Amino acid sequence: MRRYELTDAQWRQIEPLLPPRQGRGRPYRDHRTMLHAWFWILNSGSPWRDLPERFGPWKTAYNRFNRWRQVGLIDRLLQALPIRLDAAGHIDGDLWCVDGSSVRAHGSAVGGGKKRGYARTGGSRIGPQPRRLGHHNPCGG
């Protein structure tokens, strides 16, 4: 099995949720190959045109992905699969994982806070600094 590809057990969970293969027209690229192509694209971050040849023409994978997305099939798969997996006892409802790289925190949560007594770009000021009140023109104007 290659990187980003489904195991046979994973495929058996997903296959019944997919539409039947079409039998008319051109030979239909099988669903598993298309899913592997999509996983490769989504995980690698590569453009569709860089899809490896083992997945078939990039445009076939791209067109099917867009067609399934537009008709809502991908959304239905993503909703149905966790339900099936939970019913089969494959989901641990007590385990929660949060990826810290996607959770934004306020600057003060990491010790940022307000900077007092520091110039914005010049670092700390040493010694007492005169306080400027009102408008002051050092050129006497």
C-alpha atoms as a PDB file:
ATOM      1  CA  MET A   1       0.000   0.000   0.000  1.00  0.00           C
ATOM      2  CA  ARG A   2       1.263   3.439  -0.896  1.00  0.00           C
ATOM      3  CA  ARG A   3       1.121   6.635   1.036  1.00  0.00           C
ATOM      4  CA  TYR A   4      -2.338   8.285   1.272  1.00  0.00           C
ATOM      5  CA  GLU A   5      -4.100   5.137   0.014  1.00  0.00           C
ATOM      6  CA  LEU A   6      -6.891   3.176   1.678  1.00  0.00           C
ATOM      7  CA  THR A   7      -6.336  -0.243   3.191  1.00  0.00           C
ATOM      8  CA  ASP A   8      -8.701  -3.027   2.116  1.00  0.00           C
ATOM      9  CA  ALA A   9     -10.530  -2.758   5.451  1.00  0.00           C
ATOM     10  CA  GLN A  10     -11.006   1.003   4.994  1.00  0.00           C
ATOM     11  CA  TRP A  11     -12.183   0.494   1.435  1.00  0.00           C
ATOM     12  CA  ARG A  12     -14.790  -2.051   2.593  1.00  0.00           C
ATOM     13  CA  GLN A  13     -16.243   0.633   4.908  1.00  0.00           C
ATOM     14  CA  ILE A  14     -16.459   3.255   2.156  1.00  0.00           C
ATOM     15  CA  GLU A  15     -17.391   1.227  -0.921  1.00  0.00           C
ATOM     16  CA  PRO A  16     -21.088   0.658  -0.036  1.00  0.00           C
ATOM     17  CA  LEU A  17     -21.570   4.417   0.313  1.00  0.00           C
ATOM     18  CA  LEU A  18     -20.468   5.123  -3.262  1.00  0.00           C
ATOM     19  CA  PRO A  19     -22.691   5.218  -6.355  1.00  0.00           C
ATOM     20  CA  PRO A  20     -22.704   2.209  -8.687  1.00  0.00           C
ATOM     21  CA  ARG A  21     -20.170   2.256 -11.487  1.00  0.00           C
ATOM     22  CA  GLN A  22     -21.481   3.442 -14.833  1.00  0.00           C
ATOM     23  CA  GLY A  23     -21.341   0.913 -17.660  1.00  0.00           C
ATOM     24  CA  ARG A  24     -21.925   3.040 -20.735  1.00  0.00           C
ATOM     25  CA  GLY A  25     -19.530   5.170 -22.745  1.00  0.00           C
ATOM     26  CA  ARG A  26     -15.823   5.192 -22.001  1.00  0.00           C
ATOM     27  CA  PRO A  27     -14.337   2.765 -19.486  1.00  0.00           C
ATOM     28  CA  TYR A  28     -15.100   4.207 -16.076  1.00  0.00           C
ATOM     29  CA  ARG A  29     -12.116   4.780 -13.762  1.00  0.00           C
ATOM     30  CA  ASP A  30     -12.862   2.909 -10.540  1.00  0.00           C
ATOM     31  CA  HIS A  31     -13.835   4.837  -7.416  1.00  0.00           C
ATOM     32  CA  ARG A  32     -10.953   3.581  -5.293  1.00  0.00           C
ATOM     33  CA  THR A  33      -8.372   4.910  -7.750  1.00  0.00           C
ATOM     34  CA  MET A  34     -10.171   8.259  -7.821  1.00  0.00           C
ATOM     35  CA  LEU A  35     -10.241   8.458  -4.013  1.00  0.00           C
ATOM     36  CA  HIS A  36      -6.524   7.674  -3.927  1.00  0.00           C
ATOM     37  CA  ALA A  37      -5.908  10.428  -6.469  1.00  0.00           C
ATOM     38  CA  TRP A  38      -7.887  12.927  -4.362  1.00  0.00           C
ATOM     39  CA  PHE A  39      -6.072  11.920  -1.186  1.00  0.00           C
ATOM     40  CA  TRP A  40      -2.758  12.347  -2.979  1.00  0.00           C
ATOM     41  CA  ILE A  41      -3.704  15.844  -4.176  1.00  0.00           C
ATOM     42  CA  LEU A  42      -5.159  16.946  -0.832  1.00  0.00           C
ATOM     43  CA  ASN A  43      -2.232  15.627   1.206  1.00  0.00           C
ATOM     44  CA  SER A  44       0.593  16.678  -1.098  1.00  0.00           C
ATOM     45  CA  GLY A  45      -0.783  20.135  -1.889  1.00  0.00           C
ATOM     46  CA  SER A  46       0.212  19.668  -5.523  1.00  0.00           C
ATOM     47  CA  PRO A  47      -1.757  21.073  -8.441  1.00  0.00           C
ATOM     48  CA  TRP A  48      -4.057  18.658 -10.287  1.00  0.00           C
ATOM     49  CA  ARG A  49      -1.767  18.622 -13.319  1.00  0.00           C
ATOM     50  CA  ASP A  50       1.016  17.086 -11.190  1.00  0.00           C
ATOM     51  CA  LEU A  51      -1.061  14.013 -10.318  1.00  0.00           C
ATOM     52  CA  PRO A  52       1.068  10.867 -10.859  1.00  0.00           C
ATOM     53  CA  GLU A  53       0.181   8.809 -13.930  1.00  0.00           C
ATOM     54  CA  ARG A  54      -0.764   5.743 -11.848  1.00  0.00           C
ATOM     55  CA  PHE A  55      -4.052   7.517 -11.025  1.00  0.00           C
ATOM     56  CA  GLY A  56      -4.950   8.040 -14.667  1.00  0.00           C
ATOM     57  CA  PRO A  57      -5.541  11.380 -16.368  1.00  0.00           C
ATOM     58  CA  TRP A  58      -5.518  14.293 -13.931  1.00  0.00           C
ATOM     59  CA  LYS A  59      -8.575  15.788 -15.612  1.00  0.00           C
ATOM     60  CA  THR A  60     -10.613  12.624 -14.927  1.00  0.00           C
ATOM     61  CA  ALA A  61      -9.815  12.833 -11.213  1.00  0.00           C
ATOM     62  CA  TYR A  62     -10.456  16.588 -11.179  1.00  0.00           C
ATOM     63  CA  ASN A  63     -13.785  16.328 -13.016  1.00  0.00           C
ATOM     64  CA  ARG A  64     -15.118  13.531 -10.816  1.00  0.00           C
ATOM     65  CA  PHE A  65     -14.045  15.337  -7.659  1.00  0.00           C
ATOM     66  CA  ASN A  66     -15.867  18.488  -8.784  1.00  0.00           C
ATOM     67  CA  ARG A  67     -18.945  16.566  -9.930  1.00  0.00           C
ATOM     68  CA  TRP A  68     -19.240  14.681  -6.622  1.00  0.00           C
ATOM     69  CA  ARG A  69     -18.636  17.888  -4.674  1.00  0.00           C
ATOM     70  CA  GLN A  70     -21.287  19.813  -6.615  1.00  0.00           C
ATOM     71  CA  VAL A  71     -23.994  17.170  -6.151  1.00  0.00           C
ATOM     72  CA  GLY A  72     -23.154  16.889  -2.442  1.00  0.00           C
ATOM     73  CA  LEU A  73     -21.864  13.310  -2.548  1.00  0.00           C
ATOM     74  CA  ILE A  74     -18.620  14.111  -0.743  1.00  0.00           C
ATOM     75  CA  ASP A  75     -20.558  15.872   2.034  1.00  0.00           C
ATOM     76  CA  ARG A  76     -22.903  12.881   2.377  1.00  0.00           C
ATOM     77  CA  LEU A  77     -19.897  10.534   2.578  1.00  0.00           C
ATOM     78  CA  LEU A  78     -18.294  12.636   5.290  1.00  0.00           C
ATOM     79  CA  GLN A  79     -21.533  12.608   7.257  1.00  0.00           C
ATOM     80  CA  ALA A  80     -22.331   8.900   6.811  1.00  0.00           C
ATOM     81  CA  LEU A  81     -18.875   7.447   7.405  1.00  0.00           C
ATOM     82  CA  PRO A  82     -18.509   8.507  11.072  1.00  0.00           C
ATOM     83  CA  ILE A  83     -21.978   7.125  11.794  1.00  0.00           C
ATOM     84  CA  ARG A  84     -21.029   3.736  10.283  1.00  0.00           C
ATOM     85  CA  LEU A  85     -17.690   3.692  12.083  1.00  0.00           C
ATOM     86  CA  ASP A  86     -19.291   4.581  15.407  1.00  0.00           C
ATOM     87  CA  ALA A  87     -21.910   1.833  14.986  1.00  0.00           C
ATOM     88  CA  ALA A  88     -19.080  -0.641  14.336  1.00  0.00           C
ATOM     89  CA  GLY A  89     -17.299   0.515  17.507  1.00  0.00           C
ATOM     90  CA  HIS A  90     -14.372   2.154  15.706  1.00  0.00           C
ATOM     91  CA  ILE A  91     -14.797   5.627  17.235  1.00  0.00           C
ATOM     92  CA  ASP A  92     -13.772   6.371  20.808  1.00  0.00           C
ATOM     93  CA  GLY A  93     -16.137   9.098  21.982  1.00  0.00           C
ATOM     94  CA  ASP A  94     -13.961   9.803  25.027  1.00  0.00           C
ATOM     95  CA  LEU A  95     -10.885  10.731  23.000  1.00  0.00           C
ATOM     96  CA  TRP A  96     -10.597  14.288  21.729  1.00  0.00           C
ATOM     97  CA  CYS A  97      -7.609  15.697  19.907  1.00  0.00           C
ATOM     98  CA  VAL A  98      -7.145  19.364  19.140  1.00  0.00           C
ATOM     99  CA  ASP A  99      -4.482  20.532  16.742  1.00  0.00           C
ATOM    100  CA  GLY A 100      -2.899  23.564  18.381  1.00  0.00           C
ATOM    101  CA  SER A 101      -1.703  24.929  15.069  1.00  0.00           C
ATOM    102  CA  SER A 102      -5.284  25.670  14.066  1.00  0.00           C
ATOM    103  CA  VAL A 103      -6.444  27.226  17.352  1.00  0.00           C
ATOM    104  CA  ARG A 104      -5.799  30.942  17.497  1.00  0.00           C
ATOM    105  CA  ALA A 105      -4.889  32.466  20.824  1.00  0.00           C
ATOM    106  CA  HIS A 106      -4.812  36.101  21.802  1.00  0.00           C
ATOM    107  CA  GLY A 107      -1.315  37.574  22.160  1.00  0.00           C
ATOM    108  CA  SER A 108      -1.701  37.994  25.897  1.00  0.00           C
ATOM    109  CA  ALA A 109      -2.408  34.258  26.236  1.00  0.00           C
ATOM    110  CA  VAL A 110       1.213  33.561  25.382  1.00  0.00           C
ATOM    111  CA  GLY A 111       2.718  36.332  27.501  1.00  0.00           C
ATOM    112  CA  GLY A 112       2.431  39.091  24.923  1.00  0.00           C
ATOM    113  CA  GLY A 113       0.290  41.547  26.850  1.00  0.00           C
ATOM    114  CA  LYS A 114       0.706  45.285  26.528  1.00  0.00           C
ATOM    115  CA  LYS A 115       4.212  46.623  26.345  1.00  0.00           C
ATOM    116  CA  ARG A 116       4.708  49.492  28.756  1.00  0.00           C
ATOM    117  CA  GLY A 117       7.750  51.694  28.909  1.00  0.00           C
ATOM    118  CA  TYR A 118       9.171  50.398  25.644  1.00  0.00           C
ATOM    119  CA  ALA A 119       9.505  52.172  22.363  1.00  0.00           C
ATOM    120  CA  ARG A 120       7.754  50.294  19.558  1.00  0.00           C
ATOM    121  CA  THR A 121      10.907  49.691  17.545  1.00  0.00           C
ATOM    122  CA  GLY A 122      13.758  50.915  19.696  1.00  0.00           C
ATOM    123  CA  GLY A 123      13.705  48.506  22.627  1.00  0.00           C
ATOM    124  CA  SER A 124      13.767  49.704  26.222  1.00  0.00           C
ATOM    125  CA  ARG A 125      14.383  53.304  27.257  1.00  0.00           C
ATOM    126  CA  ILE A 126      17.064  53.922  29.804  1.00  0.00           C
ATOM    127  CA  GLY A 127      16.637  56.626  32.435  1.00  0.00           C
ATOM    128  CA  PRO A 128      13.818  59.123  32.867  1.00  0.00           C
ATOM    129  CA  GLN A 129      12.237  60.389  29.684  1.00  0.00           C
ATOM    130  CA  PRO A 130      10.672  63.815  29.326  1.00  0.00           C
ATOM    131  CA  ARG A 131       6.954  63.839  29.034  1.00  0.00           C
ATOM    132  CA  ARG A 132       5.527  65.776  26.141  1.00  0.00           C
ATOM    133  CA  LEU A 133       2.311  67.601  26.807  1.00  0.00           C
ATOM    134  CA  GLY A 134       0.312  69.206  24.077  1.00  0.00           C
ATOM    135  CA  HIS A 135       1.887  70.143  20.759  1.00  0.00           C
ATOM    136  CA  HIS A 136       5.503  71.120  20.888  1.00  0.00           C
ATOM    137  CA  ASN A 137       7.482  72.398  17.955  1.00  0.00           C
ATOM    138  CA  PRO A 138      11.236  72.063  18.652  1.00  0.00           C
ATOM    139  CA  CYS A 139      11.987  74.510  15.852  1.00  0.00           C
ATOM    140  CA  GLY A 140      10.232  77.332  17.682  1.00  0.00           C
ATOM    141  CA  GLY A 141       7.415  77.754  15.201  1.00  0.00           C
END
